[in-house]
């Protein structure tokens, strides 16, 4: 949710979720992460709400690797550390 809030406010929403979706689909070998995805953001968020801890941690790692993630503000990094 913190990523959704930050990237929505910062204007990077489409780029961030697109990059995350692309990386997760490659990781899982499927063009979609869930059955009822309307768009990439919904697909990722729905996947994250249902996935195992291991796959959620894959997402956390990817946040720091994707193109939009290169612009991670210090506050967001601190939020991840607190979590």
N, C-alpha and C. Protein backbone atom coordinates (compact mmCIF):
# COMPACT_ATOMS: atom_id res chain seq x y z
N UNK A 1 0.82 -1.20 0.00
CA UNK A 1 0.00 0.00 0.00
C UNK A 1 0.86 1.25 0.00
N UNK A 2 1.99 1.18 0.69
CA UNK A 2 2.87 2.35 0.73
C UNK A 2 3.40 2.67 -0.68
N UNK A 3 3.75 1.64 -1.44
CA UNK A 3 4.20 1.87 -2.81
C UNK A 3 3.09 2.45 -3.66
N UNK A 4 1.89 1.94 -3.48
CA UNK A 4 0.75 2.47 -4.23
C UNK A 4 0.56 3.95 -3.93
N UNK A 5 0.63 4.30 -2.66
CA UNK A 5 0.44 5.70 -2.27
C UNK A 5 1.56 6.59 -2.79
N UNK A 6 2.81 6.16 -2.64
CA UNK A 6 3.94 6.98 -3.07
C UNK A 6 3.94 7.17 -4.58
N UNK A 7 3.87 6.07 -5.32
CA UNK A 7 3.98 6.18 -6.76
C UNK A 7 2.76 6.83 -7.39
N UNK A 8 1.62 6.77 -6.74
CA UNK A 8 0.46 7.49 -7.23
C UNK A 8 0.64 8.99 -7.07
N UNK A 9 1.18 9.42 -5.93
CA UNK A 9 1.40 10.84 -5.67
C UNK A 9 2.54 11.39 -6.49
N UNK A 10 3.57 10.58 -6.69
CA UNK A 10 4.76 11.06 -7.38
C UNK A 10 4.61 11.07 -8.90
N UNK A 11 3.53 10.49 -9.41
CA UNK A 11 3.32 10.47 -10.85
C UNK A 11 4.04 9.35 -11.58
N UNK A 12 4.60 8.40 -10.85
CA UNK A 12 5.32 7.28 -11.46
C UNK A 12 4.48 6.01 -11.48
N UNK A 13 3.21 6.12 -11.18
CA UNK A 13 2.35 4.96 -10.97
C UNK A 13 2.42 3.96 -12.12
N UNK A 14 2.19 4.40 -13.32
CA UNK A 14 2.14 3.50 -14.47
C UNK A 14 3.50 2.83 -14.71
N UNK A 15 4.56 3.60 -14.65
CA UNK A 15 5.89 3.06 -14.87
C UNK A 15 6.27 2.05 -13.79
N UNK A 16 6.02 2.39 -12.55
CA UNK A 16 6.36 1.50 -11.43
C UNK A 16 5.63 0.17 -11.53
N UNK A 17 4.30 0.20 -11.63
CA UNK A 17 3.52 -1.04 -11.66
C UNK A 17 3.80 -1.84 -12.92
N UNK A 18 4.05 -1.17 -14.02
CA UNK A 18 4.41 -1.87 -15.26
C UNK A 18 5.72 -2.62 -15.12
N UNK A 19 6.72 -1.96 -14.52
CA UNK A 19 8.01 -2.61 -14.30
C UNK A 19 7.90 -3.78 -13.33
N UNK A 20 7.19 -3.56 -12.23
CA UNK A 20 7.01 -4.63 -11.24
C UNK A 20 6.28 -5.80 -11.87
N UNK A 21 5.21 -5.52 -12.60
CA UNK A 21 4.42 -6.58 -13.23
C UNK A 21 5.29 -7.38 -14.20
N UNK A 22 6.06 -6.69 -15.00
CA UNK A 22 6.92 -7.37 -15.96
C UNK A 22 7.91 -8.30 -15.26
N UNK A 23 8.54 -7.81 -14.21
CA UNK A 23 9.52 -8.63 -13.48
C UNK A 23 8.87 -9.82 -12.79
N UNK A 24 7.72 -9.61 -12.17
CA UNK A 24 7.04 -10.73 -11.49
C UNK A 24 6.53 -11.77 -12.47
N UNK A 25 6.05 -11.34 -13.63
CA UNK A 25 5.56 -12.32 -14.60
C UNK A 25 6.72 -13.15 -15.16
N UNK A 26 7.87 -12.53 -15.38
CA UNK A 26 9.05 -13.30 -15.80
C UNK A 26 9.45 -14.28 -14.70
N UNK A 27 9.45 -13.82 -13.48
CA UNK A 27 9.83 -14.66 -12.36
C UNK A 27 8.92 -15.88 -12.22
N UNK A 28 7.64 -15.69 -12.48
CA UNK A 28 6.65 -16.77 -12.32
C UNK A 28 6.31 -17.48 -13.63
N UNK A 29 6.85 -17.00 -14.73
CA UNK A 29 6.65 -17.67 -16.01
C UNK A 29 5.23 -17.64 -16.52
N UNK A 30 4.54 -16.54 -16.27
CA UNK A 30 3.15 -16.40 -16.70
C UNK A 30 2.90 -14.95 -17.09
N UNK A 31 2.12 -14.71 -18.16
CA UNK A 31 1.85 -13.34 -18.58
C UNK A 31 0.93 -12.57 -17.62
N UNK A 32 0.22 -13.30 -16.76
CA UNK A 32 -0.64 -12.69 -15.75
C UNK A 32 -0.32 -13.35 -14.42
N UNK A 33 -0.52 -12.59 -13.35
CA UNK A 33 -0.26 -13.11 -12.01
C UNK A 33 -1.52 -13.66 -11.36
N UNK A 34 -2.67 -13.16 -11.79
CA UNK A 34 -3.96 -13.61 -11.27
C UNK A 34 -4.90 -13.86 -12.45
N UNK A 35 -6.03 -14.44 -12.16
CA UNK A 35 -6.99 -14.75 -13.24
C UNK A 35 -7.84 -13.57 -13.65
N UNK A 36 -8.10 -12.68 -12.74
CA UNK A 36 -9.07 -11.61 -13.03
C UNK A 36 -8.42 -10.23 -13.09
N UNK A 37 -7.28 -10.14 -13.70
CA UNK A 37 -6.57 -8.85 -13.76
C UNK A 37 -7.21 -7.92 -14.78
N UNK A 38 -7.53 -6.72 -14.35
CA UNK A 38 -8.07 -5.70 -15.25
C UNK A 38 -6.94 -4.89 -15.87
N UNK A 39 -5.89 -4.66 -15.11
CA UNK A 39 -4.71 -3.93 -15.57
C UNK A 39 -3.52 -4.41 -14.76
N UNK A 40 -2.32 -3.94 -15.09
CA UNK A 40 -1.12 -4.45 -14.42
C UNK A 40 -1.09 -4.10 -12.94
N UNK A 41 -1.53 -2.91 -12.57
CA UNK A 41 -1.53 -2.53 -11.15
C UNK A 41 -2.46 -3.44 -10.37
N UNK A 42 -3.66 -3.66 -10.86
CA UNK A 42 -4.62 -4.54 -10.19
C UNK A 42 -4.09 -5.96 -10.10
N UNK A 43 -3.45 -6.42 -11.16
CA UNK A 43 -2.89 -7.76 -11.19
C UNK A 43 -1.83 -7.92 -10.10
N UNK A 44 -0.93 -6.96 -9.99
CA UNK A 44 0.13 -7.05 -8.97
C UNK A 44 -0.46 -6.95 -7.57
N UNK A 45 -1.32 -6.00 -7.33
CA UNK A 45 -1.88 -5.80 -5.99
C UNK A 45 -2.69 -7.02 -5.56
N UNK A 46 -3.48 -7.57 -6.47
CA UNK A 46 -4.25 -8.76 -6.14
C UNK A 46 -3.31 -9.93 -5.86
N UNK A 47 -2.28 -10.09 -6.66
CA UNK A 47 -1.29 -11.14 -6.44
C UNK A 47 -0.64 -10.99 -5.06
N UNK A 48 -0.25 -9.78 -4.72
CA UNK A 48 0.42 -9.54 -3.44
C UNK A 48 -0.49 -9.81 -2.25
N UNK A 49 -1.78 -9.60 -2.43
CA UNK A 49 -2.71 -9.84 -1.32
C UNK A 49 -2.96 -11.33 -1.08
N UNK A 50 -2.58 -12.17 -2.06
CA UNK A 50 -2.85 -13.61 -1.95
C UNK A 50 -1.60 -14.48 -1.92
N UNK A 51 -0.44 -13.92 -2.23
CA UNK A 51 0.76 -14.74 -2.42
C UNK A 51 1.41 -15.15 -1.10
N UNK A 52 2.35 -16.06 -1.20
CA UNK A 52 3.11 -16.51 -0.03
C UNK A 52 4.09 -15.41 0.39
N UNK A 53 4.60 -15.56 1.60
CA UNK A 53 5.58 -14.59 2.10
C UNK A 53 6.80 -14.52 1.19
N UNK A 54 7.23 -15.65 0.68
CA UNK A 54 8.40 -15.71 -0.20
C UNK A 54 8.19 -14.82 -1.43
N UNK A 55 7.01 -14.93 -2.04
CA UNK A 55 6.73 -14.14 -3.23
C UNK A 55 6.55 -12.66 -2.89
N UNK A 56 6.03 -12.37 -1.71
CA UNK A 56 5.92 -10.98 -1.30
C UNK A 56 7.31 -10.38 -1.12
N UNK A 57 8.22 -11.15 -0.57
CA UNK A 57 9.60 -10.66 -0.41
C UNK A 57 10.28 -10.47 -1.76
N UNK A 58 9.89 -11.27 -2.76
CA UNK A 58 10.38 -11.03 -4.13
C UNK A 58 9.97 -9.64 -4.58
N UNK A 59 8.72 -9.27 -4.30
CA UNK A 59 8.22 -7.94 -4.65
C UNK A 59 9.04 -6.85 -3.96
N UNK A 60 9.29 -7.02 -2.65
CA UNK A 60 10.05 -6.02 -1.91
C UNK A 60 11.43 -5.84 -2.54
N UNK A 61 12.06 -6.94 -2.91
CA UNK A 61 13.38 -6.86 -3.56
C UNK A 61 13.28 -6.14 -4.91
N UNK A 62 12.24 -6.44 -5.67
CA UNK A 62 12.08 -5.82 -6.99
C UNK A 62 11.84 -4.31 -6.90
N UNK A 63 11.23 -3.86 -5.83
CA UNK A 63 10.98 -2.42 -5.66
C UNK A 63 12.28 -1.63 -5.80
N UNK A 64 13.38 -2.23 -5.34
CA UNK A 64 14.66 -1.54 -5.37
C UNK A 64 15.39 -1.71 -6.69
N UNK A 65 14.87 -2.55 -7.58
CA UNK A 65 15.54 -2.82 -8.85
C UNK A 65 14.88 -2.18 -10.07
N UNK A 66 13.59 -1.98 -10.03
CA UNK A 66 12.89 -1.51 -11.22
C UNK A 66 13.26 -0.07 -11.54
N UNK A 67 13.01 0.33 -12.76
CA UNK A 67 13.37 1.67 -13.24
C UNK A 67 12.82 2.75 -12.33
N UNK A 68 11.54 2.69 -12.02
CA UNK A 68 10.94 3.70 -11.16
C UNK A 68 11.53 3.62 -9.76
N UNK A 69 11.98 2.43 -9.36
CA UNK A 69 12.57 2.25 -8.04
C UNK A 69 13.87 3.00 -7.85
N UNK A 70 14.51 3.37 -8.96
CA UNK A 70 15.75 4.14 -8.86
C UNK A 70 15.49 5.51 -8.25
N UNK A 71 14.23 5.89 -8.23
CA UNK A 71 13.84 7.18 -7.67
C UNK A 71 13.24 7.05 -6.28
N UNK A 72 13.54 5.95 -5.61
CA UNK A 72 12.98 5.75 -4.27
C UNK A 72 13.40 6.87 -3.33
N UNK A 73 12.46 7.52 -2.73
CA UNK A 73 12.82 8.56 -1.77
C UNK A 73 13.28 7.92 -0.46
N UNK A 74 14.06 8.64 0.27
CA UNK A 74 14.59 8.16 1.55
C UNK A 74 13.45 7.75 2.49
N UNK A 75 12.35 8.50 2.48
CA UNK A 75 11.22 8.20 3.36
C UNK A 75 10.64 6.82 3.09
N UNK A 76 10.57 6.46 1.82
CA UNK A 76 10.03 5.15 1.46
C UNK A 76 10.97 4.03 1.87
N UNK A 77 12.27 4.26 1.73
CA UNK A 77 13.26 3.27 2.18
C UNK A 77 13.14 3.08 3.69
N UNK A 78 12.98 4.17 4.41
CA UNK A 78 12.81 4.07 5.86
C UNK A 78 11.55 3.30 6.22
N UNK A 79 10.47 3.51 5.47
CA UNK A 79 9.23 2.78 5.72
C UNK A 79 9.46 1.28 5.54
N UNK A 80 10.20 0.91 4.49
CA UNK A 80 10.51 -0.51 4.27
C UNK A 80 11.35 -1.06 5.42
N UNK A 81 12.31 -0.29 5.88
CA UNK A 81 13.15 -0.74 6.99
C UNK A 81 12.33 -0.93 8.27
N UNK A 82 11.41 0.00 8.54
CA UNK A 82 10.55 -0.14 9.71
C UNK A 82 9.66 -1.36 9.62
N UNK A 83 9.13 -1.60 8.41
CA UNK A 83 8.27 -2.76 8.20
C UNK A 83 9.05 -4.03 8.46
